[in-house]
C-alpha atoms as a PDB file:
ATOM      1  CA  UNK A   1    -111.668 111.785  44.531  1.00  0.00           C
ATOM      2  CA  UNK A   2    -113.476 111.120  41.252  1.00  0.00           C
ATOM      3  CA  UNK A   3    -112.641 112.574  37.869  1.00  0.00           C
ATOM      4  CA  UNK A   4    -115.927 114.501  38.063  1.00  0.00           C
ATOM      5  CA  UNK A   5    -114.909 116.039  41.403  1.00  0.00           C
ATOM      6  CA  UNK A   6    -111.532 117.097  39.993  1.00  0.00           C
ATOM      7  CA  UNK A   7    -113.187 118.559  36.902  1.00  0.00           C
ATOM      8  CA  UNK A   8    -115.673 120.458  39.071  1.00  0.00           C
ATOM      9  CA  UNK A   9    -112.807 121.891  41.122  1.00  0.00           C
ATOM     10  CA  UNK A  10    -110.963 123.079  38.023  1.00  0.00           C
ATOM     11  CA  UNK A  11    -114.176 124.558  36.633  1.00  0.00           C
ATOM     12  CA  UNK A  12    -114.686 126.445  39.887  1.00  0.00           C
ATOM     13  CA  UNK A  13    -111.192 127.908  39.544  1.00  0.00           C
ATOM     14  CA  UNK A  14    -111.839 128.860  35.933  1.00  0.00           C
ATOM     15  CA  UNK A  15    -115.144 130.479  36.853  1.00  0.00           C
ATOM     16  CA  UNK A  16    -114.436 132.134  40.206  1.00  0.00           C
ATOM     17  CA  UNK A  17    -110.679 132.006  40.898  1.00  0.00           C
ATOM     18  CA  UNK A  18    -108.164 134.804  40.493  1.00  0.00           C
ATOM     19  CA  UNK A  19    -105.798 134.853  37.556  1.00  0.00           C
ATOM     20  CA  UNK A  20    -102.832 133.971  39.786  1.00  0.00           C
ATOM     21  CA  UNK A  21    -104.471 130.733  41.003  1.00  0.00           C
ATOM     22  CA  UNK A  22    -105.657 129.871  37.498  1.00  0.00           C
ATOM     23  CA  UNK A  23    -102.190 130.351  36.030  1.00  0.00           C
ATOM     24  CA  UNK A  24    -100.608 128.352  38.861  1.00  0.00           C
ATOM     25  CA  UNK A  25    -103.146 125.526  38.438  1.00  0.00           C
ATOM     26  CA  UNK A  26    -102.273 125.401  34.743  1.00  0.00           C
ATOM     27  CA  UNK A  27     -98.588 125.004  35.637  1.00  0.00           C
ATOM     28  CA  UNK A  28     -99.183 122.322  38.273  1.00  0.00           C
ATOM     29  CA  UNK A  29    -101.851 120.243  36.532  1.00  0.00           C
ATOM     30  CA  UNK A  30    -101.413 120.973  32.828  1.00  0.00           C
ATOM     31  CA  UNK A  31     -97.682 121.535  32.462  1.00  0.00           C
ATOM     32  CA  UNK A  32     -98.176 125.124  31.309  1.00  0.00           C
ATOM     33  CA  UNK A  33     -95.260 127.528  30.967  1.00  0.00           C
ATOM     34  CA  UNK A  34     -94.453 128.818  34.488  1.00  0.00           C
ATOM     35  CA  UNK A  35     -93.894 132.307  33.107  1.00  0.00           C
ATOM     36  CA  UNK A  36     -97.660 132.749  33.192  1.00  0.00           C
ATOM     37  CA  UNK A  37     -97.677 132.396  36.972  1.00  0.00           C
ATOM     38  CA  UNK A  38     -94.723 134.800  37.204  1.00  0.00           C
ATOM     39  CA  UNK A  39     -96.610 137.376  35.152  1.00  0.00           C
ATOM     40  CA  UNK A  40     -99.688 137.000  37.359  1.00  0.00           C
ATOM     41  CA  UNK A  41     -97.647 137.541  40.539  1.00  0.00           C
ATOM     42  CA  UNK A  42     -95.898 140.553  39.029  1.00  0.00           C
ATOM     43  CA  UNK A  43     -99.229 142.389  38.889  1.00  0.00           C
ATOM     44  CA  UNK A  44     -99.161 142.603  42.711  1.00  0.00           C
ATOM     45  CA  UNK A  45     -95.639 144.018  42.863  1.00  0.00           C
ATOM     46  CA  UNK A  46     -94.953 147.576  43.960  1.00  0.00           C
ATOM     47  CA  UNK A  47     -92.199 149.917  42.825  1.00  0.00           C
ATOM     48  CA  UNK A  48     -90.422 149.415  46.177  1.00  0.00           C
ATOM     49  CA  UNK A  49     -89.896 145.713  45.366  1.00  0.00           C
ATOM     50  CA  UNK A  50     -92.488 144.411  47.810  1.00  0.00           C
ATOM     51  CA  UNK A  51     -95.912 142.917  47.085  1.00  0.00           C
ATOM     52  CA  UNK A  52     -99.351 144.132  48.145  1.00  0.00           C
ATOM     53  CA  UNK A  53    -102.785 144.818  46.616  1.00  0.00           C
ATOM     54  CA  UNK A  54    -104.428 141.994  48.520  1.00  0.00           C
ATOM     55  CA  UNK A  55    -102.290 139.175  47.147  1.00  0.00           C
ATOM     56  CA  UNK A  56    -103.065 137.612  50.540  1.00  0.00           C
ATOM     57  CA  UNK A  57    -106.770 138.488  50.322  1.00  0.00           C
ATOM     58  CA  UNK A  58    -107.707 139.180  53.961  1.00  0.00           C
ATOM     59  CA  UNK A  59    -106.765 142.842  53.593  1.00  0.00           C
ATOM     60  CA  UNK A  60    -107.253 145.122  50.619  1.00  0.00           C
ATOM     61  CA  UNK A  61    -104.215 147.295  51.292  1.00  0.00           C
ATOM     62  CA  UNK A  62    -102.163 148.202  48.198  1.00  0.00           C
ATOM     63  CA  UNK A  63     -98.967 148.857  50.181  1.00  0.00           C
ATOM     64  CA  UNK A  64     -96.196 146.269  50.332  1.00  0.00           C
ATOM     65  CA  UNK A  65     -96.530 143.906  53.288  1.00  0.00           C
ATOM     66  CA  UNK A  66     -94.384 140.945  54.404  1.00  0.00           C
ATOM     67  CA  UNK A  67     -97.395 138.607  54.313  1.00  0.00           C
ATOM     68  CA  UNK A  68     -97.951 139.448  50.645  1.00  0.00           C
ATOM     69  CA  UNK A  69     -94.267 138.910  49.903  1.00  0.00           C
ATOM     70  CA  UNK A  70     -94.573 135.478  51.499  1.00  0.00           C
ATOM     71  CA  UNK A  71     -97.589 134.683  49.343  1.00  0.00           C
ATOM     72  CA  UNK A  72     -95.708 135.746  46.211  1.00  0.00           C
ATOM     73  CA  UNK A  73     -92.759 133.547  47.137  1.00  0.00           C
ATOM     74  CA  UNK A  74     -95.126 130.635  47.664  1.00  0.00           C
ATOM     75  CA  UNK A  75     -96.533 130.986  44.147  1.00  0.00           C
ATOM     76  CA  UNK A  76     -93.078 131.220  42.586  1.00  0.00           C
ATOM     77  CA  UNK A  77     -91.934 128.200  44.577  1.00  0.00           C
ATOM     78  CA  UNK A  78     -94.975 126.154  43.554  1.00  0.00           C
ATOM     79  CA  UNK A  79     -94.385 127.121  39.926  1.00  0.00           C
ATOM     80  CA  UNK A  80     -90.771 125.930  40.305  1.00  0.00           C
ATOM     81  CA  UNK A  81     -89.495 128.889  38.307  1.00  0.00           C
ATOM     82  CA  UNK A  82     -86.744 130.472  40.393  1.00  0.00           C
ATOM     83  CA  UNK A  83     -83.255 129.869  39.104  1.00  0.00           C
ATOM     84  CA  UNK A  84     -84.697 129.396  35.621  1.00  0.00           C
ATOM     85  CA  UNK A  85     -86.157 132.836  34.977  1.00  0.00           C
ATOM     86  CA  UNK A  86     -84.321 136.137  35.263  1.00  0.00           C
ATOM     87  CA  UNK A  87     -87.648 137.912  35.765  1.00  0.00           C
ATOM     88  CA  UNK A  88     -88.565 135.667  38.699  1.00  0.00           C
ATOM     89  CA  UNK A  89     -85.098 135.927  40.229  1.00  0.00           C
ATOM     90  CA  UNK A  90     -85.193 139.727  39.943  1.00  0.00           C
ATOM     91  CA  UNK A  91     -88.549 139.771  41.732  1.00  0.00           C
ATOM     92  CA  UNK A  92     -87.205 137.584  44.532  1.00  0.00           C
ATOM     93  CA  UNK A  93     -84.054 139.700  44.920  1.00  0.00           C
ATOM     94  CA  UNK A  94     -86.134 142.872  44.965  1.00  0.00           C
ATOM     95  CA  UNK A  95     -88.455 141.417  47.581  1.00  0.00           C
ATOM     96  CA  UNK A  96     -85.473 140.548  49.792  1.00  0.00           C
ATOM     97  CA  UNK A  97     -84.148 144.087  49.398  1.00  0.00           C
ATOM     98  CA  UNK A  98     -87.533 145.419  50.458  1.00  0.00           C
ATOM     99  CA  UNK A  99     -87.705 143.084  53.460  1.00  0.00           C
ATOM    100  CA  UNK A 100     -84.265 144.324  54.511  1.00  0.00           C
ATOM    101  CA  UNK A 101     -85.488 147.913  54.262  1.00  0.00           C
ATOM    102  CA  UNK A 102     -88.424 147.361  56.655  1.00  0.00           C
ATOM    103  CA  UNK A 103     -86.838 144.854  59.052  1.00  0.00           C
ATOM    104  CA  UNK A 104     -85.864 145.553  62.637  1.00  0.00           C
ATOM    105  CA  UNK A 105     -82.119 145.680  63.389  1.00  0.00           C
ATOM    106  CA  UNK A 106     -82.199 141.952  64.215  1.00  0.00           C
ATOM    107  CA  UNK A 107     -83.677 141.185  60.785  1.00  0.00           C
ATOM    108  CA  UNK A 108     -87.216 140.294  61.831  1.00  0.00           C
ATOM    109  CA  UNK A 109     -90.321 141.636  60.107  1.00  0.00           C
ATOM    110  CA  UNK A 110     -93.994 141.628  61.170  1.00  0.00           C
ATOM    111  CA  UNK A 111     -96.774 140.250  59.006  1.00  0.00           C
ATOM    112  CA  UNK A 112     -98.165 143.706  58.292  1.00  0.00           C
ATOM    113  CA  UNK A 113     -98.057 147.371  59.255  1.00  0.00           C
ATOM    114  CA  UNK A 114    -100.715 149.777  60.579  1.00  0.00           C
ATOM    115  CA  UNK A 115    -101.290 151.048  57.033  1.00  0.00           C
ATOM    116  CA  UNK A 116    -103.760 148.154  56.630  1.00  0.00           C
ATOM    117  CA  UNK A 117    -106.178 150.012  58.923  1.00  0.00           C
ATOM    118  CA  UNK A 118    -106.889 152.495  56.129  1.00  0.00           C
ATOM    119  CA  UNK A 119    -108.409 149.758  53.994  1.00  0.00           C
ATOM    120  CA  UNK A 120    -111.008 146.992  54.306  1.00  0.00           C
ATOM    121  CA  UNK A 121    -109.644 143.997  56.178  1.00  0.00           C
ATOM    122  CA  UNK A 122    -110.865 140.926  57.986  1.00  0.00           C
ATOM    123  CA  UNK A 123    -111.599 141.504  61.679  1.00  0.00           C
ATOM    124  CA  UNK A 124    -108.768 139.235  62.801  1.00  0.00           C
ATOM    125  CA  UNK A 125    -106.180 141.443  61.068  1.00  0.00           C
ATOM    126  CA  UNK A 126    -105.287 143.825  63.878  1.00  0.00           C
ATOM    127  CA  UNK A 127    -102.323 144.955  65.960  1.00  0.00           C
ATOM    128  CA  UNK A 128    -101.057 141.380  66.534  1.00  0.00           C
ATOM    129  CA  UNK A 129     -99.813 141.547  62.949  1.00  0.00           C
ATOM    130  CA  UNK A 130     -97.439 144.434  63.706  1.00  0.00           C
ATOM    131  CA  UNK A 131     -95.160 142.388  65.991  1.00  0.00           C
ATOM    132  CA  UNK A 132     -92.414 140.203  64.453  1.00  0.00           C
ATOM    133  CA  UNK A 133     -92.965 136.507  65.087  1.00  0.00           C
ATOM    134  CA  UNK A 134     -92.129 133.126  63.580  1.00  0.00           C
ATOM    135  CA  UNK A 135     -95.145 133.775  61.394  1.00  0.00           C
ATOM    136  CA  UNK A 136     -94.078 135.166  58.907  1.00  0.00           C
ATOM    137  CA  UNK A 137     -90.287 135.135  59.426  1.00  0.00           C
ATOM    138  CA  UNK A 138     -89.815 131.362  59.439  1.00  0.00           C
ATOM    139  CA  UNK A 139     -92.100 131.031  56.430  1.00  0.00           C
ATOM    140  CA  UNK A 140     -90.305 133.730  54.488  1.00  0.00           C
ATOM    141  CA  UNK A 141     -86.888 132.290  55.303  1.00  0.00           C
ATOM    142  CA  UNK A 142     -88.012 128.724  54.592  1.00  0.00           C
ATOM    143  CA  UNK A 143     -89.373 129.597  51.167  1.00  0.00           C
ATOM    144  CA  UNK A 144     -86.244 131.528  50.268  1.00  0.00           C
ATOM    145  CA  UNK A 145     -84.028 128.652  51.394  1.00  0.00           C
ATOM    146  CA  UNK A 146     -86.153 126.263  49.329  1.00  0.00           C
ATOM    147  CA  UNK A 147     -85.359 128.482  46.346  1.00  0.00           C
ATOM    148  CA  UNK A 148     -81.632 128.438  47.207  1.00  0.00           C
ATOM    149  CA  UNK A 149     -81.660 132.240  47.520  1.00  0.00           C
ATOM    150  CA  UNK A 150     -78.694 134.052  49.007  1.00  0.00           C
ATOM    151  CA  UNK A 151     -79.224 137.490  50.507  1.00  0.00           C
ATOM    152  CA  UNK A 152     -77.935 139.399  53.562  1.00  0.00           C
ATOM    153  CA  UNK A 153     -81.463 139.842  54.905  1.00  0.00           C
ATOM    154  CA  UNK A 154     -82.047 136.090  54.734  1.00  0.00           C
ATOM    155  CA  UNK A 155     -78.928 135.490  56.826  1.00  0.00           C
ATOM    156  CA  UNK A 156     -80.199 137.809  59.554  1.00  0.00           C
ATOM    157  CA  UNK A 157     -83.733 136.429  59.447  1.00  0.00           C
ATOM    158  CA  UNK A 158     -82.453 132.864  59.630  1.00  0.00           C
ATOM    159  CA  UNK A 159     -80.419 133.590  62.739  1.00  0.00           C
ATOM    160  CA  UNK A 160     -83.415 135.348  64.287  1.00  0.00           C
ATOM    161  CA  UNK A 161     -85.508 132.215  63.675  1.00  0.00           C
ATOM    162  CA  UNK A 162     -82.849 129.976  65.213  1.00  0.00           C
ATOM    163  CA  UNK A 163     -82.732 132.165  68.324  1.00  0.00           C
ATOM    164  CA  UNK A 164     -86.495 131.879  68.702  1.00  0.00           C
ATOM    165  CA  UNK A 165     -86.736 128.165  68.023  1.00  0.00           C
ATOM    166  CA  UNK A 166     -83.835 127.092  70.198  1.00  0.00           C
ATOM    167  CA  UNK A 167     -85.586 128.803  73.108  1.00  0.00           C
ATOM    168  CA  UNK A 168     -88.763 126.775  72.566  1.00  0.00           C
ATOM    169  CA  UNK A 169     -92.029 127.244  70.697  1.00  0.00           C
ATOM    170  CA  UNK A 170     -95.092 129.045  72.058  1.00  0.00           C
ATOM    171  CA  UNK A 171     -96.915 130.327  68.975  1.00  0.00           C
ATOM    172  CA  UNK A 172     -99.995 129.046  67.128  1.00  0.00           C
ATOM    173  CA  UNK A 173    -100.539 126.397  64.473  1.00  0.00           C
ATOM    174  CA  UNK A 174     -99.995 128.882  61.648  1.00  0.00           C
ATOM    175  CA  UNK A 175     -96.547 129.639  63.041  1.00  0.00           C
ATOM    176  CA  UNK A 176     -95.861 125.921  63.395  1.00  0.00           C
ATOM    177  CA  UNK A 177     -96.523 125.451  59.692  1.00  0.00           C
ATOM    178  CA  UNK A 178     -94.063 128.255  58.973  1.00  0.00           C
ATOM    179  CA  UNK A 179     -91.490 126.627  61.257  1.00  0.00           C
ATOM    180  CA  UNK A 180     -91.853 123.295  59.460  1.00  0.00           C
ATOM    181  CA  UNK A 181     -91.175 125.031  56.138  1.00  0.00           C
ATOM    182  CA  UNK A 182     -88.076 126.598  57.668  1.00  0.00           C
ATOM    183  CA  UNK A 183     -86.792 123.347  59.191  1.00  0.00           C
ATOM    184  CA  UNK A 184     -87.355 121.423  55.978  1.00  0.00           C
ATOM    185  CA  UNK A 185     -85.201 123.745  53.871  1.00  0.00           C
ATOM    186  CA  UNK A 186     -82.713 125.640  56.038  1.00  0.00           C
ATOM    187  CA  UNK A 187     -79.158 124.615  55.054  1.00  0.00           C
ATOM    188  CA  UNK A 188     -77.866 123.842  58.565  1.00  0.00           C
ATOM    189  CA  UNK A 189     -79.260 120.318  58.766  1.00  0.00           C
ATOM    190  CA  UNK A 190     -77.733 119.394  62.119  1.00  0.00           C
ATOM    191  CA  UNK A 191     -79.324 122.399  63.761  1.00  0.00           C
ATOM    192  CA  UNK A 192     -82.613 121.718  61.974  1.00  0.00           C
ATOM    193  CA  UNK A 193     -82.732 118.096  63.114  1.00  0.00           C
ATOM    194  CA  UNK A 194     -82.060 119.099  66.708  1.00  0.00           C
ATOM    195  CA  UNK A 195     -85.026 121.471  66.683  1.00  0.00           C
ATOM    196  CA  UNK A 196     -87.218 119.092  64.658  1.00  0.00           C
ATOM    197  CA  UNK A 197     -86.904 116.512  67.447  1.00  0.00           C
ATOM    198  CA  UNK A 198     -89.251 118.738  69.504  1.00  0.00           C
ATOM    199  CA  UNK A 199     -92.018 119.130  66.916  1.00  0.00           C
ATOM    200  CA  UNK A 200     -93.981 116.113  68.119  1.00  0.00           C
ATOM    201  CA  UNK A 201     -94.053 117.513  71.634  1.00  0.00           C
ATOM    202  CA  UNK A 202     -95.180 120.908  70.328  1.00  0.00           C
ATOM    203  CA  UNK A 203     -98.066 119.243  68.503  1.00  0.00           C
ATOM    204  CA  UNK A 204     -99.052 117.290  71.581  1.00  0.00           C
ATOM    205  CA  UNK A 205     -99.826 120.460  73.583  1.00  0.00           C
ATOM    206  CA  UNK A 206    -101.482 121.352  71.026  1.00  0.00           C
ATOM    207  CA  UNK A 207    -100.942 124.870  69.636  1.00  0.00           C
ATOM    208  CA  UNK A 208    -103.894 127.194  69.174  1.00  0.00           C
ATOM    209  CA  UNK A 209    -105.852 126.630  65.958  1.00  0.00           C
ATOM    210  CA  UNK A 210    -104.517 123.141  65.415  1.00  0.00           C
ATOM    211  CA  UNK A 211    -107.418 120.943  64.335  1.00  0.00           C
ATOM    212  CA  UNK A 212    -106.484 117.339  65.013  1.00  0.00           C
ATOM    213  CA  UNK A 213    -109.999 115.859  64.693  1.00  0.00           C
ATOM    214  CA  UNK A 214    -111.235 115.532  61.085  1.00  0.00           C
ATOM    215  CA  UNK A 215    -114.826 115.856  62.324  1.00  0.00           C
ATOM    216  CA  UNK A 216    -114.171 119.237  63.953  1.00  0.00           C
ATOM    217  CA  UNK A 217    -115.929 121.909  61.835  1.00  0.00           C
ATOM    218  CA  UNK A 218    -114.007 124.803  63.388  1.00  0.00           C
ATOM    219  CA  UNK A 219    -111.354 126.913  61.741  1.00  0.00           C
ATOM    220  CA  UNK A 220    -107.837 125.535  62.019  1.00  0.00           C
ATOM    221  CA  UNK A 221    -104.711 124.011  60.560  1.00  0.00           C
ATOM    222  CA  UNK A 222    -104.875 120.262  60.030  1.00  0.00           C
ATOM    223  CA  UNK A 223    -102.212 117.575  59.574  1.00  0.00           C
ATOM    224  CA  UNK A 224    -102.661 118.065  55.817  1.00  0.00           C
ATOM    225  CA  UNK A 225    -101.528 121.681  56.143  1.00  0.00           C
ATOM    226  CA  UNK A 226     -98.401 120.498  57.925  1.00  0.00           C
ATOM    227  CA  UNK A 227     -97.766 117.471  55.689  1.00  0.00           C
ATOM    228  CA  UNK A 228     -99.408 118.320  52.347  1.00  0.00           C
ATOM    229  CA  UNK A 229     -97.688 115.481  50.479  1.00  0.00           C
ATOM    230  CA  UNK A 230     -96.891 111.891  51.467  1.00  0.00           C
ATOM    231  CA  UNK A 231     -93.175 112.552  50.997  1.00  0.00           C
ATOM    232  CA  UNK A 232     -93.210 115.521  53.358  1.00  0.00           C
ATOM    233  CA  UNK A 233     -90.626 115.165  56.139  1.00  0.00           C
ATOM    234  CA  UNK A 234     -93.510 115.778  58.579  1.00  0.00           C
ATOM    235  CA  UNK A 235     -95.745 112.937  57.348  1.00  0.00           C
ATOM    236  CA  UNK A 236     -94.164 110.679  59.972  1.00  0.00           C
ATOM    237  CA  UNK A 237     -95.733 112.794  62.709  1.00  0.00           C
ATOM    238  CA  UNK A 238     -99.192 111.392  61.878  1.00  0.00           C
ATOM    239  CA  UNK A 239    -100.480 107.844  61.732  1.00  0.00           C
ATOM    240  CA  UNK A 240    -102.258 106.517  58.646  1.00  0.00           C
ATOM    241  CA  UNK A 241    -105.699 106.703  60.242  1.00  0.00           C
ATOM    242  CA  UNK A 242    -105.268 110.395  61.004  1.00  0.00           C
ATOM    243  CA  UNK A 243    -104.144 111.234  57.470  1.00  0.00           C
ATOM    244  CA  UNK A 244    -106.884 109.099  55.913  1.00  0.00           C
ATOM    245  CA  UNK A 245    -109.511 110.737  58.092  1.00  0.00           C
ATOM    246  CA  UNK A 246    -108.438 114.214  57.068  1.00  0.00           C
ATOM    247  CA  UNK A 247    -108.246 113.224  53.399  1.00  0.00           C
ATOM    248  CA  UNK A 248    -111.807 111.876  53.623  1.00  0.00           C
ATOM    249  CA  UNK A 249    -112.921 115.119  55.240  1.00  0.00           C
ATOM    250  CA  UNK A 250    -111.116 117.265  52.674  1.00  0.00           C
ATOM    251  CA  UNK A 251    -112.739 115.391  49.780  1.00  0.00           C
ATOM    252  CA  UNK A 252    -116.167 115.588  51.458  1.00  0.00           C
ATOM    253  CA  UNK A 253    -115.860 119.351  51.976  1.00  0.00           C
ATOM    254  CA  UNK A 254    -116.103 120.083  48.252  1.00  0.00           C
ATOM    255  CA  UNK A 255    -119.190 122.208  47.648  1.00  0.00           C
ATOM    256  CA  UNK A 256    -121.887 121.736  44.976  1.00  0.00           C
ATOM    257  CA  UNK A 257    -120.323 124.557  42.951  1.00  0.00           C
ATOM    258  CA  UNK A 258    -117.082 122.576  42.733  1.00  0.00           C
ATOM    259  CA  UNK A 259    -115.057 124.761  45.080  1.00  0.00           C
ATOM    260  CA  UNK A 260    -113.967 124.366  48.666  1.00  0.00           C
ATOM    261  CA  UNK A 261    -115.343 126.490  51.523  1.00  0.00           C
ATOM    262  CA  UNK A 262    -113.568 128.675  54.051  1.00  0.00           C
ATOM    263  CA  UNK A 263    -114.317 129.007  57.763  1.00  0.00           C
ATOM    264  CA  UNK A 264    -113.660 132.703  58.387  1.00  0.00           C
ATOM    265  CA  UNK A 265    -114.989 136.062  57.197  1.00  0.00           C
ATOM    266  CA  UNK A 266    -112.846 137.903  54.637  1.00  0.00           C
ATOM    267  CA  UNK A 267    -113.495 141.622  54.137  1.00  0.00           C
ATOM    268  CA  UNK A 268    -115.428 141.385  50.864  1.00  0.00           C
ATOM    269  CA  UNK A 269    -117.143 139.089  48.394  1.00  0.00           C
ATOM    270  CA  UNK A 270    -114.128 139.379  46.106  1.00  0.00           C
ATOM    271  CA  UNK A 271    -111.828 138.358  48.969  1.00  0.00           C
ATOM    272  CA  UNK A 272    -114.099 135.426  49.794  1.00  0.00           C
ATOM    273  CA  UNK A 273    -113.972 134.142  46.237  1.00  0.00           C
ATOM    274  CA  UNK A 274    -110.214 134.674  46.155  1.00  0.00           C
ATOM    275  CA  UNK A 275    -109.784 132.582  49.283  1.00  0.00           C
ATOM    276  CA  UNK A 276    -112.110 129.885  47.995  1.00  0.00           C
ATOM    277  CA  UNK A 277    -109.962 129.700  44.877  1.00  0.00           C
ATOM    278  CA  UNK A 278    -106.809 129.429  46.982  1.00  0.00           C
ATOM    279  CA  UNK A 279    -108.364 126.706  49.126  1.00  0.00           C
ATOM    280  CA  UNK A 280    -109.692 124.867  46.082  1.00  0.00           C
ATOM    281  CA  UNK A 281    -106.235 124.784  44.514  1.00  0.00           C
ATOM    282  CA  UNK A 282    -104.741 123.617  47.828  1.00  0.00           C
ATOM    283  CA  UNK A 283    -107.334 120.856  48.167  1.00  0.00           C
ATOM    284  CA  UNK A 284    -106.787 119.613  44.614  1.00  0.00           C
ATOM    285  CA  UNK A 285    -103.020 119.557  45.108  1.00  0.00           C
ATOM    286  CA  UNK A 286    -103.230 117.681  48.421  1.00  0.00           C
ATOM    287  CA  UNK A 287    -105.753 115.136  47.196  1.00  0.00           C
ATOM    288  CA  UNK A 288    -103.710 114.464  44.067  1.00  0.00           C
ATOM    289  CA  UNK A 289    -100.475 114.160  46.033  1.00  0.00           C
ATOM    290  CA  UNK A 290    -102.041 111.513  48.292  1.00  0.00           C
ATOM    291  CA  UNK A 291    -103.484 109.570  45.364  1.00  0.00           C
ATOM    292  CA  UNK A 292    -107.076 110.648  45.981  1.00  0.00           C
END
């Protein structure tokens, strides 16, 4: 990746990206004060402690949703602010309280609720999202464990994830990415290593929406989604040629406007630009991490 390509990506974010991605990019690339990213995330917070308002841009619902909580946690984690900011910690604690309030008795939450049907949303956001699954529970729990959070809801959700994973894995590539986040950060390392021993076999099936071939133009999760940095515990799952091929493809996918494309239809032009900003930031982070 050339300096010009990096500059074009940052300019795309400055021109078209949301404030939350711009503030996070400033933290990651420029060493800016992480409180800016915290402030940007706070704008999506509801009085009930959850997050909504299209923070995950595929639905324009203002109500709090678990998928938007997960997105908020991801920003705070990337900004590396939790444990250093009372404001950030209060937001995380409030989000856990909200998750506890909407969870099933076993602790699990779905990605969304039927309230999204009142608002514009991408076609793929439908009733599948109302059933608890490893996506988002493993991702929520994994991010919270990465932040060293302690909360009663997290204990229940963690045990729910263990019960699912120790019975096998039959979900899609998005869920696999969530599981890898969980396994990388959950405190019980012996249990995590026992489950992690099966990940290679799960990939070999492969799960739906896993895109192993860099030349495949279809929508999907690639090895770079699962191992976004060379020091990821999951990098060992992929040989050098596979990683290099996907890095070449990721660099080549940059568009003339400096941003990266998406391969699905969000519900609006604003949502499309939001997602392109998210994907542009992801691409810049991955390419930098791998020395590209």
